[in-house]
Amino acid sequence: MNDQFNRPELPSIGILSLMQDEDRALLSNYGEFIPGHPGTTVIAQGAPQDSLYFLISGLLHVTGGVEGRVLFISRVQAGETIGEVNIFDPGVASANVVTKDFSQIWRASRADIDDFVNSYPVAGNALLTGIMVCMCRRIRQMNEKLAVNTTVSEAARLLH
C-alpha cells in the first residue's frame, strides 16, 4: 500500500524486484488485489487455472491430494508467486492453495499479463524475466531434491 493507503501497490520484491517503481505502479492497474482471510481457498486442485498469484503479505500453504491423502507441498511467503506455469501453459491446478494468515494477493490472468506486456514492452520484459528467474530457481531446486532422493542404483536403472 502507499502512504495514503488509498490505492494498492505492488512492492519491489520477488518477481517484481527487477521493475522500476513507475512500472510496478502501472502493473498494479492490471489484474486484481485480493484479500484472503485465514482458511480462504485461493486455488482449488483440479480447477481451471490461468493466473499468476503474487503474495504481497501473509502466508499460504500449498497441498495436494493423492489417493485420498493430503500432502503438504510448500509454504508461500511474501514476495513469492504461484501459478507461473499457467501464464504460459494454462491448465488445471495441480494443488490446493489456502491462506494461513490474513494475506494480500495480487492476481493477474494470462490476458492481463499479455495486455501489460503489449502496452509496456520494456516493463513487460522485466516482469517476464522475473517470472522466468523464479521458474528456473524452482526447477533447479526440484532437480536438487530429486538428486538427493534418488539412490545410485535407482539412477543407474533410470539411465539404462
C-alpha atoms as a PDB file:
ATOM      1  CA  MET A   1       0.000   0.000   0.000  1.00  0.00           C
ATOM      2  CA  ASN A   2       1.137   3.558  -0.489  1.00  0.00           C
ATOM      3  CA  ASP A   3       1.483   6.176   2.269  1.00  0.00           C
ATOM      4  CA  GLN A   4      -2.130   7.298   1.930  1.00  0.00           C
ATOM      5  CA  PHE A   5      -3.475   3.703   1.962  1.00  0.00           C
ATOM      6  CA  ASN A   6      -5.925   4.634  -0.771  1.00  0.00           C
ATOM      7  CA  ARG A   7      -4.588   2.541  -3.641  1.00  0.00           C
ATOM      8  CA  PRO A   8      -2.901  -0.875  -3.540  1.00  0.00           C
ATOM      9  CA  GLU A   9       0.644  -1.036  -4.851  1.00  0.00           C
ATOM     10  CA  LEU A  10       2.939  -3.860  -5.787  1.00  0.00           C
ATOM     11  CA  PRO A  11       6.166  -3.929  -3.728  1.00  0.00           C
ATOM     12  CA  SER A  12       9.658  -4.311  -5.169  1.00  0.00           C
ATOM     13  CA  ILE A  13      10.148  -7.920  -4.051  1.00  0.00           C
ATOM     14  CA  GLY A  14      10.295 -11.305  -5.730  1.00  0.00           C
ATOM     15  CA  ILE A  15       9.478 -11.352  -9.449  1.00  0.00           C
ATOM     16  CA  LEU A  16       8.846  -7.583  -9.323  1.00  0.00           C
ATOM     17  CA  SER A  17      12.281  -6.645  -7.982  1.00  0.00           C
ATOM     18  CA  LEU A  18      13.641  -6.004 -11.494  1.00  0.00           C
ATOM     19  CA  MET A  19      10.898  -3.479 -12.267  1.00  0.00           C
ATOM     20  CA  GLN A  20      11.027   0.296 -11.816  1.00  0.00           C
ATOM     21  CA  ASP A  21       8.620   1.937  -9.340  1.00  0.00           C
ATOM     22  CA  GLU A  22       6.635   3.561 -12.151  1.00  0.00           C
ATOM     23  CA  ASP A  23       6.324   0.249 -13.991  1.00  0.00           C
ATOM     24  CA  ARG A  24       5.067  -1.562 -10.883  1.00  0.00           C
ATOM     25  CA  ALA A  25       2.518   1.230 -10.417  1.00  0.00           C
ATOM     26  CA  LEU A  26       1.327   0.658 -13.994  1.00  0.00           C
ATOM     27  CA  LEU A  27       1.214  -3.093 -13.446  1.00  0.00           C
ATOM     28  CA  SER A  28      -0.987  -2.502 -10.370  1.00  0.00           C
ATOM     29  CA  ASN A  29      -3.722  -1.425 -12.795  1.00  0.00           C
ATOM     30  CA  TYR A  30      -3.752  -4.901 -14.379  1.00  0.00           C
ATOM     31  CA  GLY A  31      -5.180  -7.851 -12.517  1.00  0.00           C
ATOM     32  CA  GLU A  32      -6.804  -7.506  -9.121  1.00  0.00           C
ATOM     33  CA  PHE A  33      -5.886  -7.275  -5.456  1.00  0.00           C
ATOM     34  CA  ILE A  34      -7.478  -9.995  -3.329  1.00  0.00           C
ATOM     35  CA  PRO A  35      -7.681 -10.037   0.467  1.00  0.00           C
ATOM     36  CA  GLY A  36      -7.516 -13.535   1.913  1.00  0.00           C
ATOM     37  CA  HIS A  37      -8.722 -14.289   5.410  1.00  0.00           C
ATOM     38  CA  PRO A  38      -7.226 -17.351   7.141  1.00  0.00           C
ATOM     39  CA  GLY A  39      -8.593 -20.548   5.617  1.00  0.00           C
ATOM     40  CA  THR A  40      -9.564 -18.997   2.276  1.00  0.00           C
ATOM     41  CA  THR A  41      -9.015 -21.298  -0.708  1.00  0.00           C
ATOM     42  CA  VAL A  42      -7.115 -19.292  -3.320  1.00  0.00           C
ATOM     43  CA  ILE A  43      -6.693 -22.154  -5.802  1.00  0.00           C
ATOM     44  CA  ALA A  44      -8.535 -25.483  -5.821  1.00  0.00           C
ATOM     45  CA  GLN A  45      -6.757 -28.567  -7.137  1.00  0.00           C
ATOM     46  CA  GLY A  46      -8.276 -29.696 -10.442  1.00  0.00           C
ATOM     47  CA  ALA A  47      -9.950 -26.348 -11.202  1.00  0.00           C
ATOM     48  CA  PRO A  48      -9.104 -24.459 -14.412  1.00  0.00           C
ATOM     49  CA  GLN A  49      -6.133 -22.184 -13.754  1.00  0.00           C
ATOM     50  CA  ASP A  50      -4.738 -19.420 -15.985  1.00  0.00           C
ATOM     51  CA  SER A  51      -3.494 -16.869 -13.468  1.00  0.00           C
ATOM     52  CA  LEU A  52      -0.380 -15.726 -11.691  1.00  0.00           C
ATOM     53  CA  TYR A  53      -0.690 -15.042  -7.960  1.00  0.00           C
ATOM     54  CA  PHE A  54       1.812 -12.764  -6.219  1.00  0.00           C
ATOM     55  CA  LEU A  55       1.771 -12.766  -2.406  1.00  0.00           C
ATOM     56  CA  ILE A  56       2.195  -9.230  -1.081  1.00  0.00           C
ATOM     57  CA  SER A  57       1.811 -10.179   2.580  1.00  0.00           C
ATOM     58  CA  GLY A  58       0.700 -13.143   4.642  1.00  0.00           C
ATOM     59  CA  LEU A  59       1.291 -16.855   4.312  1.00  0.00           C
ATOM     60  CA  LEU A  60      -0.127 -19.524   2.006  1.00  0.00           C
ATOM     61  CA  HIS A  61       0.062 -23.304   2.254  1.00  0.00           C
ATOM     62  CA  VAL A  62       0.162 -25.468  -0.848  1.00  0.00           C
ATOM     63  CA  THR A  63      -1.184 -29.008  -0.507  1.00  0.00           C
ATOM     64  CA  GLY A  64      -2.026 -31.794  -2.891  1.00  0.00           C
ATOM     65  CA  GLY A  65      -4.310 -34.759  -2.674  1.00  0.00           C
ATOM     66  CA  VAL A  66      -3.024 -38.178  -3.657  1.00  0.00           C
ATOM     67  CA  GLU A  67      -5.105 -41.326  -3.221  1.00  0.00           C
ATOM     68  CA  GLY A  68      -7.296 -39.641  -0.609  1.00  0.00           C
ATOM     69  CA  ARG A  69      -4.335 -38.295   1.387  1.00  0.00           C
ATOM     70  CA  VAL A  70      -3.476 -34.626   1.769  1.00  0.00           C
ATOM     71  CA  LEU A  71       0.228 -33.924   1.313  1.00  0.00           C
ATOM     72  CA  PHE A  72       1.899 -30.672   2.336  1.00  0.00           C
ATOM     73  CA  ILE A  73       3.893 -29.318  -0.612  1.00  0.00           C
ATOM     74  CA  SER A  74       5.173 -25.896   0.403  1.00  0.00           C
ATOM     75  CA  ARG A  75       4.763 -22.575   2.157  1.00  0.00           C
ATOM     76  CA  VAL A  76       4.438 -19.397   0.102  1.00  0.00           C
ATOM     77  CA  GLN A  77       5.647 -16.209   1.776  1.00  0.00           C
ATOM     78  CA  ALA A  78       5.537 -12.531   0.842  1.00  0.00           C
ATOM     79  CA  GLY A  79       7.298 -11.874  -2.456  1.00  0.00           C
ATOM     80  CA  GLU A  80       6.712 -15.394  -3.755  1.00  0.00           C
ATOM     81  CA  THR A  81       4.365 -16.454  -6.511  1.00  0.00           C
ATOM     82  CA  ILE A  82       2.211 -19.369  -7.551  1.00  0.00           C
ATOM     83  CA  GLY A  83       0.702 -20.170 -10.911  1.00  0.00           C
ATOM     84  CA  GLU A  84       3.641 -19.038 -13.076  1.00  0.00           C
ATOM     85  CA  VAL A  85       3.405 -22.087 -15.323  1.00  0.00           C
ATOM     86  CA  ASN A  86      -0.236 -21.297 -16.047  1.00  0.00           C
ATOM     87  CA  ILE A  87       0.665 -17.932 -17.560  1.00  0.00           C
ATOM     88  CA  PHE A  88       2.494 -19.834 -20.315  1.00  0.00           C
ATOM     89  CA  ASP A  89       0.524 -23.094 -20.332  1.00  0.00           C
ATOM     90  CA  PRO A  90      -2.999 -22.721 -18.887  1.00  0.00           C
ATOM     91  CA  GLY A  91      -4.460 -25.905 -17.488  1.00  0.00           C
ATOM     92  CA  VAL A  92      -5.901 -27.235 -14.264  1.00  0.00           C
ATOM     93  CA  ALA A  93      -4.441 -26.507 -10.842  1.00  0.00           C
ATOM     94  CA  SER A  94      -2.111 -29.239  -9.640  1.00  0.00           C
ATOM     95  CA  ALA A  95      -2.540 -28.317  -5.951  1.00  0.00           C
ATOM     96  CA  ASN A  96      -4.697 -26.528  -3.398  1.00  0.00           C
ATOM     97  CA  VAL A  97      -3.555 -23.159  -2.084  1.00  0.00           C
ATOM     98  CA  VAL A  98      -5.046 -21.888   1.181  1.00  0.00           C
ATOM     99  CA  THR A  99      -4.324 -18.758   3.226  1.00  0.00           C
ATOM    100  CA  LYS A 100      -2.897 -19.443   6.687  1.00  0.00           C
ATOM    101  CA  ASP A 101      -2.731 -15.796   7.823  1.00  0.00           C
ATOM    102  CA  PHE A 102      -4.536 -12.738   6.557  1.00  0.00           C
ATOM    103  CA  SER A 103      -2.965 -12.325   3.124  1.00  0.00           C
ATOM    104  CA  GLN A 104      -2.835  -9.665   0.444  1.00  0.00           C
ATOM    105  CA  ILE A 105      -2.612 -11.237  -3.003  1.00  0.00           C
ATOM    106  CA  TRP A 106      -2.358  -9.763  -6.482  1.00  0.00           C
ATOM    107  CA  ARG A 107      -3.854 -11.992  -9.189  1.00  0.00           C
ATOM    108  CA  ALA A 108      -3.313 -11.446 -12.903  1.00  0.00           C
ATOM    109  CA  SER A 109      -4.738 -13.627 -15.657  1.00  0.00           C
ATOM    110  CA  ARG A 110      -2.800 -14.531 -18.756  1.00  0.00           C
ATOM    111  CA  ALA A 111      -4.828 -11.886 -20.623  1.00  0.00           C
ATOM    112  CA  ASP A 112      -3.825  -9.254 -18.008  1.00  0.00           C
ATOM    113  CA  ILE A 113      -0.144 -10.173 -18.408  1.00  0.00           C
ATOM    114  CA  ASP A 114      -0.424 -10.156 -22.226  1.00  0.00           C
ATOM    115  CA  ASP A 115      -2.119  -6.727 -22.170  1.00  0.00           C
ATOM    116  CA  PHE A 116       0.580  -5.305 -19.883  1.00  0.00           C
ATOM    117  CA  VAL A 117       3.457  -6.743 -21.949  1.00  0.00           C
ATOM    118  CA  ASN A 118       1.935  -5.434 -25.194  1.00  0.00           C
ATOM    119  CA  SER A 119       1.254  -1.985 -23.722  1.00  0.00           C
ATOM    120  CA  TYR A 120       4.616  -1.606 -21.935  1.00  0.00           C
ATOM    121  CA  PRO A 121       7.196  -3.855 -23.650  1.00  0.00           C
ATOM    122  CA  VAL A 122      10.226  -2.786 -21.597  1.00  0.00           C
ATOM    123  CA  ALA A 123       8.397  -3.144 -18.272  1.00  0.00           C
ATOM    124  CA  GLY A 124       6.762  -6.326 -19.560  1.00  0.00           C
ATOM    125  CA  ASN A 125      10.197  -7.746 -20.346  1.00  0.00           C
ATOM    126  CA  ALA A 126      11.307  -7.067 -16.758  1.00  0.00           C
ATOM    127  CA  LEU A 127       8.172  -8.814 -15.460  1.00  0.00           C
ATOM    128  CA  LEU A 128       8.613 -11.842 -17.717  1.00  0.00           C
ATOM    129  CA  THR A 129      12.307 -12.041 -16.805  1.00  0.00           C
ATOM    130  CA  GLY A 130      11.352 -12.048 -13.120  1.00  0.00           C
ATOM    131  CA  ILE A 131       8.845 -14.850 -13.737  1.00  0.00           C
ATOM    132  CA  MET A 132      11.403 -16.913 -15.683  1.00  0.00           C
ATOM    133  CA  VAL A 133      14.075 -16.449 -12.984  1.00  0.00           C
ATOM    134  CA  CYS A 134      11.560 -17.704 -10.409  1.00  0.00           C
ATOM    135  CA  MET A 135      10.641 -20.714 -12.547  1.00  0.00           C
ATOM    136  CA  CYS A 136      14.293 -21.570 -13.197  1.00  0.00           C
ATOM    137  CA  ARG A 137      15.084 -21.452  -9.468  1.00  0.00           C
ATOM    138  CA  ARG A 138      12.187 -23.798  -8.763  1.00  0.00           C
ATOM    139  CA  ILE A 139      13.330 -26.237 -11.459  1.00  0.00           C
ATOM    140  CA  ARG A 140      16.858 -26.154 -10.037  1.00  0.00           C
ATOM    141  CA  GLN A 141      15.541 -26.783  -6.500  1.00  0.00           C
ATOM    142  CA  MET A 142      13.385 -29.672  -7.725  1.00  0.00           C
ATOM    143  CA  ASN A 143      16.371 -31.190  -9.546  1.00  0.00           C
ATOM    144  CA  GLU A 144      18.401 -30.979  -6.336  1.00  0.00           C
ATOM    145  CA  LYS A 145      15.614 -32.659  -4.349  1.00  0.00           C
ATOM    146  CA  LEU A 146      15.320 -35.414  -6.939  1.00  0.00           C
ATOM    147  CA  ALA A 147      19.074 -35.934  -6.931  1.00  0.00           C
ATOM    148  CA  VAL A 148      19.147 -36.270  -3.144  1.00  0.00           C
ATOM    149  CA  ASN A 149      16.171 -38.641  -3.137  1.00  0.00           C
ATOM    150  CA  THR A 150      17.439 -40.856  -5.946  1.00  0.00           C
ATOM    151  CA  THR A 151      19.860 -43.591  -4.888  1.00  0.00           C
ATOM    152  CA  VAL A 152      22.817 -44.565  -7.038  1.00  0.00           C
ATOM    153  CA  SER A 153      21.183 -47.854  -8.072  1.00  0.00           C
ATOM    154  CA  GLU A 154      17.959 -46.065  -8.993  1.00  0.00           C
ATOM    155  CA  ALA A 155      19.928 -43.555 -11.040  1.00  0.00           C
ATOM    156  CA  ALA A 156      21.783 -46.377 -12.872  1.00  0.00           C
ATOM    157  CA  ARG A 157      18.464 -48.103 -13.606  1.00  0.00           C
ATOM    158  CA  LEU A 158      16.984 -44.877 -14.958  1.00  0.00           C
ATOM    159  CA  LEU A 159      19.975 -44.271 -17.226  1.00  0.00           C
ATOM    160  CA  HIS A 160      19.678 -47.688 -18.912  1.00  0.00           C
END
